[in-house]
């Protein structure tokens, strides 16, 4: 079961295992736009959001998937990658 929902043109992913509760993003022409995390470490999530802006979906997944936060098996960047993977799975279904 996916943690991804769509509200207008924005996708919302309910995060698991991290400080941020969710990540929102838009997709335009195969590129990631307007990434916003709810909660989490503001500096880190803002940095990840700005770096992902305008990147291709697959590129973001490749760079961010598997990143861990301390002892946790996931991180806010990894949760963005998981959200994008869920988006691809649903858009290809």
PDB file of N, CA and C in Angstrom:
ATOM      1  N   UNK A   1       0.839  -1.183   0.000  1.00  0.00           N
ATOM      2  CA  UNK A   1       0.000   0.000   0.000  1.00  0.00           C
ATOM      3  C   UNK A   1       0.885   1.248   0.000  1.00  0.00           C
ATOM      4  N   UNK A   2       0.599   2.153  -0.878  1.00  0.00           N
ATOM      5  CA  UNK A   2       1.408   3.353  -1.040  1.00  0.00           C
ATOM      6  C   UNK A   2       1.035   4.423  -0.019  1.00  0.00           C
ATOM      7  N   UNK A   3       2.031   5.195   0.370  1.00  0.00           N
ATOM      8  CA  UNK A   3       1.816   6.348   1.245  1.00  0.00           C
ATOM      9  C   UNK A   3       1.641   7.620   0.425  1.00  0.00           C
ATOM     10  N   UNK A   4       1.377   7.481  -0.869  1.00  0.00           N
ATOM     11  CA  UNK A   4       1.321   8.616  -1.779  1.00  0.00           C
ATOM     12  C   UNK A   4      -0.120   8.964  -2.134  1.00  0.00           C
ATOM     13  N   UNK A   5      -0.446  10.250  -2.014  1.00  0.00           N
ATOM     14  CA  UNK A   5      -1.755  10.740  -2.437  1.00  0.00           C
ATOM     15  C   UNK A   5      -1.543  11.950  -3.339  1.00  0.00           C
ATOM     16  N   UNK A   6      -2.569  12.272  -4.104  1.00  0.00           N
ATOM     17  CA  UNK A   6      -2.487  13.436  -4.988  1.00  0.00           C
ATOM     18  C   UNK A   6      -3.541  14.448  -4.572  1.00  0.00           C
ATOM     19  N   UNK A   7      -3.094  15.709  -4.457  1.00  0.00           N
ATOM     20  CA  UNK A   7      -3.984  16.816  -4.148  1.00  0.00           C
ATOM     21  C   UNK A   7      -3.743  17.886  -5.203  1.00  0.00           C
ATOM     22  N   UNK A   8      -4.698  18.023  -6.128  1.00  0.00           N
ATOM     23  CA  UNK A   8      -4.533  18.910  -7.285  1.00  0.00           C
ATOM     24  C   UNK A   8      -3.333  18.437  -8.090  1.00  0.00           C
ATOM     25  N   UNK A   9      -2.314  19.257  -8.297  1.00  0.00           N
ATOM     26  CA  UNK A   9      -1.121  18.849  -9.039  1.00  0.00           C
ATOM     27  C   UNK A   9       0.031  18.445  -8.124  1.00  0.00           C
ATOM     28  N   UNK A  10      -0.230  18.378  -6.830  1.00  0.00           N
ATOM     29  CA  UNK A  10       0.808  18.091  -5.848  1.00  0.00           C
ATOM     30  C   UNK A  10       0.638  16.683  -5.297  1.00  0.00           C
ATOM     31  N   UNK A  11       1.744  15.961  -5.216  1.00  0.00           N
ATOM     32  CA  UNK A  11       1.759  14.636  -4.609  1.00  0.00           C
ATOM     33  C   UNK A  11       2.250  14.774  -3.177  1.00  0.00           C
ATOM     34  N   UNK A  12       1.639  14.028  -2.268  1.00  0.00           N
ATOM     35  CA  UNK A  12       2.001  14.067  -0.858  1.00  0.00           C
ATOM     36  C   UNK A  12       2.337  12.648  -0.420  1.00  0.00           C
ATOM     37  N   UNK A  13       3.532  12.487   0.120  1.00  0.00           N
ATOM     38  CA  UNK A  13       3.988  11.191   0.624  1.00  0.00           C
ATOM     39  C   UNK A  13       4.115  11.273   2.135  1.00  0.00           C
ATOM     40  N   UNK A  14       3.410  10.398   2.850  1.00  0.00           N
ATOM     41  CA  UNK A  14       3.511  10.320   4.313  1.00  0.00           C
ATOM     42  C   UNK A  14       4.786   9.557   4.644  1.00  0.00           C
ATOM     43  N   UNK A  15       5.727  10.237   5.254  1.00  0.00           N
ATOM     44  CA  UNK A  15       7.025   9.635   5.564  1.00  0.00           C
ATOM     45  C   UNK A  15       6.933   8.671   6.735  1.00  0.00           C
ATOM     46  N   UNK A  16       7.872   7.738   6.747  1.00  0.00           N
ATOM     47  CA  UNK A  16       7.981   6.759   7.834  1.00  0.00           C
ATOM     48  C   UNK A  16       9.424   6.709   8.307  1.00  0.00           C
ATOM     49  N   UNK A  17       9.596   6.676   9.620  1.00  0.00           N
ATOM     50  CA  UNK A  17      10.919   6.453  10.185  1.00  0.00           C
ATOM     51  C   UNK A  17      11.840   7.654  10.224  1.00  0.00           C
ATOM     52  N   UNK A  18      11.301   8.860   9.973  1.00  0.00           N
ATOM     53  CA  UNK A  18      12.115  10.077   9.987  1.00  0.00           C
ATOM     54  C   UNK A  18      11.376  11.179  10.744  1.00  0.00           C
ATOM     55  N   UNK A  19      12.076  12.268  11.001  1.00  0.00           N
ATOM     56  CA  UNK A  19      11.481  13.394  11.744  1.00  0.00           C
ATOM     57  C   UNK A  19      10.412  14.121  10.934  1.00  0.00           C
ATOM     58  N   UNK A  20      10.595  14.239   9.632  1.00  0.00           N
ATOM     59  CA  UNK A  20       9.591  14.927   8.825  1.00  0.00           C
ATOM     60  C   UNK A  20       8.377  14.023   8.649  1.00  0.00           C
ATOM     61  N   UNK A  21       7.191  14.614   8.691  1.00  0.00           N
ATOM     62  CA  UNK A  21       5.969  13.822   8.595  1.00  0.00           C
ATOM     63  C   UNK A  21       5.560  13.523   7.155  1.00  0.00           C
ATOM     64  N   UNK A  22       5.953  14.401   6.235  1.00  0.00           N
ATOM     65  CA  UNK A  22       5.590  14.187   4.834  1.00  0.00           C
ATOM     66  C   UNK A  22       6.504  14.984   3.920  1.00  0.00           C
ATOM     67  N   UNK A  23       6.450  14.628   2.636  1.00  0.00           N
ATOM     68  CA  UNK A  23       7.137  15.391   1.605  1.00  0.00           C
ATOM     69  C   UNK A  23       6.141  15.588   0.470  1.00  0.00           C
ATOM     70  N   UNK A  24       6.101  16.808  -0.048  1.00  0.00           N
ATOM     71  CA  UNK A  24       5.214  17.161  -1.157  1.00  0.00           C
ATOM     72  C   UNK A  24       6.072  17.512  -2.367  1.00  0.00           C
ATOM     73  N   UNK A  25       5.563  17.197  -3.541  1.00  0.00           N
ATOM     74  CA  UNK A  25       6.297  17.531  -4.762  1.00  0.00           C
ATOM     75  C   UNK A  25       5.337  17.566  -5.937  1.00  0.00           C
ATOM     76  N   UNK A  26       5.817  18.159  -7.008  1.00  0.00           N
ATOM     77  CA  UNK A  26       5.096  18.178  -8.280  1.00  0.00           C
ATOM     78  C   UNK A  26       6.020  17.582  -9.328  1.00  0.00           C
ATOM     79  N   UNK A  27       5.426  17.076 -10.385  1.00  0.00           N
ATOM     80  CA  UNK A  27       6.193  16.541 -11.518  1.00  0.00           C
ATOM     81  C   UNK A  27       5.771  17.306 -12.761  1.00  0.00           C
ATOM     82  N   UNK A  28       6.753  17.815 -13.487  1.00  0.00           N
ATOM     83  CA  UNK A  28       6.482  18.527 -14.729  1.00  0.00           C
ATOM     84  C   UNK A  28       7.476  18.053 -15.780  1.00  0.00           C
ATOM     85  N   UNK A  29       6.969  17.478 -16.859  1.00  0.00           N
ATOM     86  CA  UNK A  29       7.805  16.978 -17.955  1.00  0.00           C
ATOM     87  C   UNK A  29       8.907  16.041 -17.455  1.00  0.00           C
ATOM     88  N   UNK A  30       8.550  15.171 -16.508  1.00  0.00           N
ATOM     89  CA  UNK A  30       9.498  14.192 -15.991  1.00  0.00           C
ATOM     90  C   UNK A  30      10.504  14.735 -14.993  1.00  0.00           C
ATOM     91  N   UNK A  31      10.327  15.986 -14.591  1.00  0.00           N
ATOM     92  CA  UNK A  31      11.248  16.611 -13.636  1.00  0.00           C
ATOM     93  C   UNK A  31      10.539  16.927 -12.322  1.00  0.00           C
ATOM     94  N   UNK A  32      11.297  16.886 -11.250  1.00  0.00           N
ATOM     95  CA  UNK A  32      10.794  17.148  -9.906  1.00  0.00           C
ATOM     96  C   UNK A  32      10.740  18.653  -9.672  1.00  0.00           C
ATOM     97  N   UNK A  33       9.630  19.129  -9.135  1.00  0.00           N
ATOM     98  CA  UNK A  33       9.439  20.560  -8.887  1.00  0.00           C
ATOM     99  C   UNK A  33       8.810  20.767  -7.507  1.00  0.00           C
ATOM    100  N   UNK A  34       9.067  21.921  -6.925  1.00  0.00           N
ATOM    101  CA  UNK A  34       8.393  22.376  -5.708  1.00  0.00           C
ATOM    102  C   UNK A  34       8.389  21.350  -4.573  1.00  0.00           C
ATOM    103  N   UNK A  35       9.555  20.805  -4.256  1.00  0.00           N
ATOM    104  CA  UNK A  35       9.670  19.843  -3.154  1.00  0.00           C
ATOM    105  C   UNK A  35       9.597  20.594  -1.831  1.00  0.00           C
ATOM    106  N   UNK A  36       8.736  20.100  -0.932  1.00  0.00           N
ATOM    107  CA  UNK A  36       8.585  20.706   0.393  1.00  0.00           C
ATOM    108  C   UNK A  36       8.404  19.604   1.426  1.00  0.00           C
ATOM    109  N   UNK A  37       9.230  19.625   2.448  1.00  0.00           N
ATOM    110  CA  UNK A  37       9.101  18.683   3.557  1.00  0.00           C
ATOM    111  C   UNK A  37       8.308  19.335   4.670  1.00  0.00           C
ATOM    112  N   UNK A  38       7.494  18.567   5.352  1.00  0.00           N
ATOM    113  CA  UNK A  38       6.763  19.020   6.535  1.00  0.00           C
ATOM    114  C   UNK A  38       7.522  18.515   7.753  1.00  0.00           C
ATOM    115  N   UNK A  39       8.149  19.438   8.484  1.00  0.00           N
ATOM    116  CA  UNK A  39       8.941  19.059   9.648  1.00  0.00           C
ATOM    117  C   UNK A  39      10.347  18.630   9.235  1.00  0.00           C
ATOM    118  N   UNK A  40      11.048  18.031  10.167  1.00  0.00           N
ATOM    119  CA  UNK A  40      12.421  17.603   9.906  1.00  0.00           C
ATOM    120  C   UNK A  40      13.410  18.724  10.168  1.00  0.00           C
ATOM    121  N   UNK A  41      14.651  18.475   9.837  1.00  0.00           N
ATOM    122  CA  UNK A  41      15.729  19.463  10.023  1.00  0.00           C
ATOM    123  C   UNK A  41      15.651  20.472   8.891  1.00  0.00           C
ATOM    124  N   UNK A  42      15.236  21.684   9.186  1.00  0.00           N
ATOM    125  CA  UNK A  42      14.951  22.680   8.165  1.00  0.00           C
ATOM    126  C   UNK A  42      16.098  22.884   7.180  1.00  0.00           C
ATOM    127  N   UNK A  43      17.312  23.017   7.671  1.00  0.00           N
ATOM    128  CA  UNK A  43      18.439  23.243   6.768  1.00  0.00           C
ATOM    129  C   UNK A  43      18.640  22.090   5.802  1.00  0.00           C
ATOM    130  N   UNK A  44      18.582  20.878   6.318  1.00  0.00           N
ATOM    131  CA  UNK A  44      18.787  19.699   5.469  1.00  0.00           C
ATOM    132  C   UNK A  44      17.655  19.511   4.473  1.00  0.00           C
ATOM    133  N   UNK A  45      16.418  19.624   4.940  1.00  0.00           N
ATOM    134  CA  UNK A  45      15.298  19.399   4.024  1.00  0.00           C
ATOM    135  C   UNK A  45      15.200  20.504   2.970  1.00  0.00           C
ATOM    136  N   UNK A  46      15.522  21.733   3.347  1.00  0.00           N
ATOM    137  CA  UNK A  46      15.535  22.827   2.371  1.00  0.00           C
ATOM    138  C   UNK A  46      16.628  22.583   1.339  1.00  0.00           C
ATOM    139  N   UNK A  47      17.793  22.146   1.799  1.00  0.00           N
ATOM    140  CA  UNK A  47      18.894  21.858   0.883  1.00  0.00           C
ATOM    141  C   UNK A  47      18.550  20.757  -0.097  1.00  0.00           C
ATOM    142  N   UNK A  48      17.984  19.670   0.405  1.00  0.00           N
ATOM    143  CA  UNK A  48      17.579  18.564  -0.467  1.00  0.00           C
ATOM    144  C   UNK A  48      16.537  19.040  -1.465  1.00  0.00           C
ATOM    145  N   UNK A  49      15.583  19.825  -1.000  1.00  0.00           N
ATOM    146  CA  UNK A  49      14.522  20.333  -1.875  1.00  0.00           C
ATOM    147  C   UNK A  49      15.092  21.164  -3.016  1.00  0.00           C
ATOM    148  N   UNK A  50      16.009  22.050  -2.695  1.00  0.00           N
ATOM    149  CA  UNK A  50      16.600  22.911  -3.729  1.00  0.00           C
ATOM    150  C   UNK A  50      17.471  22.123  -4.696  1.00  0.00           C
ATOM    151  N   UNK A  51      18.190  21.143  -4.181  1.00  0.00           N
ATOM    152  CA  UNK A  51      19.040  20.333  -5.058  1.00  0.00           C
ATOM    153  C   UNK A  51      18.217  19.474  -6.019  1.00  0.00           C
ATOM    154  N   UNK A  52      17.070  18.981  -5.557  1.00  0.00           N
ATOM    155  CA  UNK A  52      16.226  18.126  -6.395  1.00  0.00           C
ATOM    156  C   UNK A  52      15.447  18.919  -7.441  1.00  0.00           C
ATOM    157  N   UNK A  53      15.270  20.211  -7.216  1.00  0.00           N
ATOM    158  CA  UNK A  53      14.483  21.062  -8.114  1.00  0.00           C
ATOM    159  C   UNK A  53      14.984  20.974  -9.551  1.00  0.00           C
ATOM    160  N   UNK A  54      14.107  20.574 -10.455  1.00  0.00           N
ATOM    161  CA  UNK A  54      14.425  20.526 -11.871  1.00  0.00           C
ATOM    162  C   UNK A  54      15.140  19.263 -12.322  1.00  0.00           C
ATOM    163  N   UNK A  55      15.495  18.378 -11.394  1.00  0.00           N
ATOM    164  CA  UNK A  55      16.162  17.127 -11.756  1.00  0.00           C
ATOM    165  C   UNK A  55      15.151  16.116 -12.270  1.00  0.00           C
ATOM    166  N   UNK A  56      15.611  15.197 -13.088  1.00  0.00           N
ATOM    167  CA  UNK A  56      14.771  14.106 -13.549  1.00  0.00           C
ATOM    168  C   UNK A  56      14.443  13.164 -12.397  1.00  0.00           C
ATOM    169  N   UNK A  57      13.287  12.546 -12.460  1.00  0.00           N
ATOM    170  CA  UNK A  57      12.833  11.656 -11.394  1.00  0.00           C
ATOM    171  C   UNK A  57      13.854  10.561 -11.111  1.00  0.00           C
ATOM    172  N   UNK A  58      14.299   9.871 -12.144  1.00  0.00           N
ATOM    173  CA  UNK A  58      15.241   8.759 -11.968  1.00  0.00           C
ATOM    174  C   UNK A  58      16.565   9.240 -11.370  1.00  0.00           C
ATOM    175  N   UNK A  59      17.009  10.425 -11.757  1.00  0.00           N
ATOM    176  CA  UNK A  59      18.263  10.965 -11.211  1.00  0.00           C
ATOM    177  C   UNK A  59      18.149  11.213  -9.712  1.00  0.00           C
ATOM    178  N   UNK A  60      17.019  11.760  -9.282  1.00  0.00           N
ATOM    179  CA  UNK A  60      16.820  12.015  -7.853  1.00  0.00           C
ATOM    180  C   UNK A  60      16.808  10.687  -7.094  1.00  0.00           C
ATOM    181  N   UNK A  61      16.091   9.712  -7.617  1.00  0.00           N
ATOM    182  CA  UNK A  61      16.030   8.403  -6.959  1.00  0.00           C
ATOM    183  C   UNK A  61      17.422   7.802  -6.834  1.00  0.00           C
ATOM    184  N   UNK A  62      18.187   7.815  -7.931  1.00  0.00           N
ATOM    185  CA  UNK A  62      19.529   7.238  -7.927  1.00  0.00           C
ATOM    186  C   UNK A  62      20.432   7.899  -6.895  1.00  0.00           C
ATOM    187  N   UNK A  63      20.342   9.208  -6.772  1.00  0.00           N
ATOM    188  CA  UNK A  63      21.221   9.924  -5.840  1.00  0.00           C
ATOM    189  C   UNK A  63      20.800   9.819  -4.381  1.00  0.00           C
ATOM    190  N   UNK A  64      19.501   9.708  -4.112  1.00  0.00           N
ATOM    191  CA  UNK A  64      19.029   9.796  -2.734  1.00  0.00           C
ATOM    192  C   UNK A  64      18.627   8.470  -2.091  1.00  0.00           C
ATOM    193  N   UNK A  65      18.266   7.489  -2.903  1.00  0.00           N
ATOM    194  CA  UNK A  65      17.797   6.226  -2.336  1.00  0.00           C
ATOM    195  C   UNK A  65      18.886   5.547  -1.501  1.00  0.00           C
ATOM    196  N   UNK A  66      18.504   5.085  -0.327  1.00  0.00           N
ATOM    197  CA  UNK A  66      19.417   4.343   0.535  1.00  0.00           C
ATOM    198  C   UNK A  66      20.197   5.183   1.522  1.00  0.00           C
ATOM    199  N   UNK A  67      20.071   6.504   1.469  1.00  0.00           N
ATOM    200  CA  UNK A  67      20.765   7.357   2.444  1.00  0.00           C
ATOM    201  C   UNK A  67      20.127   7.121   3.813  1.00  0.00           C
ATOM    202  N   UNK A  68      20.965   6.955   4.819  1.00  0.00           N
ATOM    203  CA  UNK A  68      20.486   6.729   6.181  1.00  0.00           C
ATOM    204  C   UNK A  68      20.722   7.972   7.027  1.00  0.00           C
ATOM    205  N   UNK A  69      19.921   8.116   8.079  1.00  0.00           N
ATOM    206  CA  UNK A  69      20.072   9.210   9.031  1.00  0.00           C
ATOM    207  C   UNK A  69      20.474   8.600  10.366  1.00  0.00           C
ATOM    208  N   UNK A  70      21.734   8.745  10.726  1.00  0.00           N
ATOM    209  CA  UNK A  70      22.218   8.173  11.973  1.00  0.00           C
ATOM    210  C   UNK A  70      21.980   6.679  12.010  1.00  0.00           C
ATOM    211  N   UNK A  71      21.319   6.205  13.049  1.00  0.00           N
ATOM    212  CA  UNK A  71      21.038   4.780  13.219  1.00  0.00           C
ATOM    213  C   UNK A  71      19.784   4.336  12.477  1.00  0.00           C
ATOM    214  N   UNK A  72      19.054   5.264  11.915  1.00  0.00           N
ATOM    215  CA  UNK A  72      17.808   4.930  11.220  1.00  0.00           C
ATOM    216  C   UNK A  72      18.110   4.291   9.863  1.00  0.00           C
ATOM    217  N   UNK A  73      17.244   3.389   9.415  1.00  0.00           N
ATOM    218  CA  UNK A  73      17.461   2.747   8.116  1.00  0.00           C
ATOM    219  C   UNK A  73      17.047   3.615   6.927  1.00  0.00           C
ATOM    220  N   UNK A  74      16.544   4.811   7.191  1.00  0.00           N
ATOM    221  CA  UNK A  74      16.079   5.721   6.146  1.00  0.00           C
ATOM    222  C   UNK A  74      16.442   7.152   6.543  1.00  0.00           C
ATOM    223  N   UNK A  75      16.068   8.107   5.708  1.00  0.00           N
ATOM    224  CA  UNK A  75      16.342   9.525   5.950  1.00  0.00           C
ATOM    225  C   UNK A  75      15.318  10.332   5.173  1.00  0.00           C
ATOM    226  N   UNK A  76      15.306  11.628   5.375  1.00  0.00           N
ATOM    227  CA  UNK A  76      14.411  12.477   4.581  1.00  0.00           C
ATOM    228  C   UNK A  76      14.740  12.390   3.086  1.00  0.00           C
ATOM    229  N   UNK A  77      16.030  12.429   2.686  1.00  0.00           N
ATOM    230  CA  UNK A  77      16.320  12.249   1.263  1.00  0.00           C
ATOM    231  C   UNK A  77      15.835  10.896   0.739  1.00  0.00           C
ATOM    232  N   UNK A  78      16.035   9.835   1.518  1.00  0.00           N
ATOM    233  CA  UNK A  78      15.572   8.508   1.111  1.00  0.00           C
ATOM    234  C   UNK A  78      14.054   8.474   1.002  1.00  0.00           C
ATOM    235  N   UNK A  79      13.354   9.165   1.888  1.00  0.00           N
ATOM    236  CA  UNK A  79      11.898   9.203   1.810  1.00  0.00           C
ATOM    237  C   UNK A  79      11.426   9.914   0.540  1.00  0.00           C
ATOM    238  N   UNK A  80      12.148  10.935   0.096  1.00  0.00           N
ATOM    239  CA  UNK A  80      11.828  11.570  -1.183  1.00  0.00           C
ATOM    240  C   UNK A  80      12.015  10.569  -2.313  1.00  0.00           C
ATOM    241  N   UNK A  81      13.091   9.808  -2.264  1.00  0.00           N
ATOM    242  CA  UNK A  81      13.317   8.782  -3.289  1.00  0.00           C
ATOM    243  C   UNK A  81      12.187   7.751  -3.272  1.00  0.00           C
ATOM    244  N   UNK A  82      11.755   7.336  -2.088  1.00  0.00           N
ATOM    245  CA  UNK A  82      10.660   6.367  -1.981  1.00  0.00           C
ATOM    246  C   UNK A  82       9.355   6.960  -2.517  1.00  0.00           C
ATOM    247  N   UNK A  83       9.131   8.233  -2.257  1.00  0.00           N
ATOM    248  CA  UNK A  83       7.941   8.908  -2.770  1.00  0.00           C
ATOM    249  C   UNK A  83       7.950   8.936  -4.298  1.00  0.00           C
ATOM    250  N   UNK A  84       9.100   9.213  -4.869  1.00  0.00           N
ATOM    251  CA  UNK A  84       9.211   9.258  -6.334  1.00  0.00           C
ATOM    252  C   UNK A  84       9.064   7.873  -6.941  1.00  0.00           C
ATOM    253  N   UNK A  85       9.573   6.854  -6.266  1.00  0.00           N
ATOM    254  CA  UNK A  85       9.378   5.479  -6.735  1.00  0.00           C
ATOM    255  C   UNK A  85       7.898   5.111  -6.707  1.00  0.00           C
ATOM    256  N   UNK A  86       7.182   5.532  -5.664  1.00  0.00           N
ATOM    257  CA  UNK A  86       5.739   5.287  -5.583  1.00  0.00           C
ATOM    258  C   UNK A  86       5.013   6.022  -6.718  1.00  0.00           C
ATOM    259  N   UNK A  87       5.446   7.246  -6.994  1.00  0.00           N
ATOM    260  CA  UNK A  87       4.861   8.002  -8.105  1.00  0.00           C
ATOM    261  C   UNK A  87       5.033   7.240  -9.423  1.00  0.00           C
ATOM    262  N   UNK A  88       6.263   6.759  -9.681  1.00  0.00           N
ATOM    263  CA  UNK A  88       6.516   6.018 -10.918  1.00  0.00           C
ATOM    264  C   UNK A  88       5.677   4.759 -10.987  1.00  0.00           C
ATOM    265  N   UNK A  89       5.571   4.044  -9.888  1.00  0.00           N
ATOM    266  CA  UNK A  89       4.785   2.807  -9.855  1.00  0.00           C
ATOM    267  C   UNK A  89       3.311   3.083 -10.174  1.00  0.00           C
ATOM    268  N   UNK A  90       2.778   4.151  -9.583  1.00  0.00           N
ATOM    269  CA  UNK A  90       1.372   4.488  -9.811  1.00  0.00           C
ATOM    270  C   UNK A  90       1.133   5.057 -11.206  1.00  0.00           C
ATOM    271  N   UNK A  91       2.076   5.810 -11.723  1.00  0.00           N
ATOM    272  CA  UNK A  91       1.876   6.408 -13.048  1.00  0.00           C
ATOM    273  C   UNK A  91       2.059   5.382 -14.159  1.00  0.00           C
ATOM    274  N   UNK A  92       2.771   4.302 -13.868  1.00  0.00           N
ATOM    275  CA  UNK A  92       2.976   3.233 -14.862  1.00  0.00           C
ATOM    276  C   UNK A  92       1.963   2.116 -14.726  1.00  0.00           C
ATOM    277  N   UNK A  93       1.097   2.191 -13.721  1.00  0.00           N
ATOM    278  CA  UNK A  93       0.113   1.114 -13.478  1.00  0.00           C
ATOM    279  C   UNK A  93      -1.062   1.204 -14.423  1.00  0.00           C
TER     280      UNK A  93
END
